[in-house]
Amino acid sequence: MPYINNDGDTRLNNFPTEPKMYVAQSTSTDLNRNYLTIGIVGLVLVVGSILIAVAVS
């Protein structure tokens, strides 16, 4: 059972195991360019939807 201590006791261990920590790597220029492209496309879609809603109403 994963909840029993390794001491041999039958006490429950309610503390979760902590994940191993790591340092995040910086993003590459290609990935940053992809984020910028996705942001611009999303902005165009939102602004276009708003303009269509205003034109129809």
Protein backbone atom coordinates (compact mmCIF):
# COMPACT_ATOMS: atom_id res chain seq x y z
CA MET A 1 0.00 0.00 0.00
CA PRO A 2 1.41 3.41 -0.88
CA TYR A 3 -0.08 5.05 2.23
CA ILE A 4 1.81 3.04 4.86
CA ASN A 5 5.07 4.44 6.26
CA ASN A 6 8.36 2.75 5.44
CA ASP A 7 9.08 2.46 9.17
CA GLY A 8 7.02 -0.70 9.35
CA ASP A 9 4.24 1.03 11.23
CA THR A 10 0.68 0.78 10.08
CA ARG A 11 0.16 4.53 10.47
CA LEU A 12 -1.18 6.27 7.41
CA ASN A 13 1.09 8.66 5.54
CA ASN A 14 -1.16 11.47 4.31
CA PHE A 15 1.65 13.58 2.88
CA PRO A 16 1.92 13.46 -0.92
CA THR A 17 5.20 12.70 -2.61
CA GLU A 18 6.63 15.91 -4.03
CA PRO A 19 7.54 16.02 -7.73
CA LYS A 20 11.15 16.55 -8.73
CA MET A 21 11.89 20.23 -9.34
CA TYR A 22 13.55 21.47 -12.52
CA VAL A 23 14.50 24.81 -14.02
CA ALA A 24 12.41 25.87 -17.00
CA GLN A 25 14.25 26.34 -20.26
CA SER A 26 13.91 29.57 -22.19
CA THR A 27 11.82 29.45 -25.35
CA SER A 28 13.41 29.52 -28.76
CA THR A 29 12.88 32.26 -31.33
CA ASP A 30 10.86 29.89 -33.52
CA LEU A 31 8.48 29.17 -30.66
CA ASN A 32 8.18 32.88 -29.87
CA ARG A 33 7.37 33.56 -33.54
CA ASN A 34 4.67 30.87 -33.41
CA TYR A 35 3.16 32.46 -30.28
CA LEU A 36 3.15 35.85 -31.99
CA THR A 37 1.47 34.41 -35.10
CA ILE A 38 -1.21 32.65 -33.05
CA GLY A 39 -1.82 35.84 -31.07
CA ILE A 40 -2.23 37.94 -34.22
CA VAL A 41 -4.59 35.42 -35.81
CA GLY A 42 -6.65 35.26 -32.61
CA LEU A 43 -6.81 39.04 -32.41
CA VAL A 44 -7.96 39.28 -36.03
CA LEU A 45 -10.67 36.68 -35.38
CA VAL A 46 -11.95 38.48 -32.28
CA VAL A 47 -11.93 41.92 -33.91
CA GLY A 48 -13.56 40.48 -37.03
CA SER A 49 -16.30 38.84 -34.96
CA ILE A 50 -16.97 42.09 -33.13
CA LEU A 51 -17.13 44.05 -36.39
CA ILE A 52 -19.53 41.53 -37.92
CA ALA A 53 -21.74 41.66 -34.80
CA VAL A 54 -21.82 45.46 -34.96
CA ALA A 55 -22.58 45.43 -38.70
CA VAL A 56 -25.45 42.95 -38.34
CA SER A 57 -27.12 44.68 -35.39
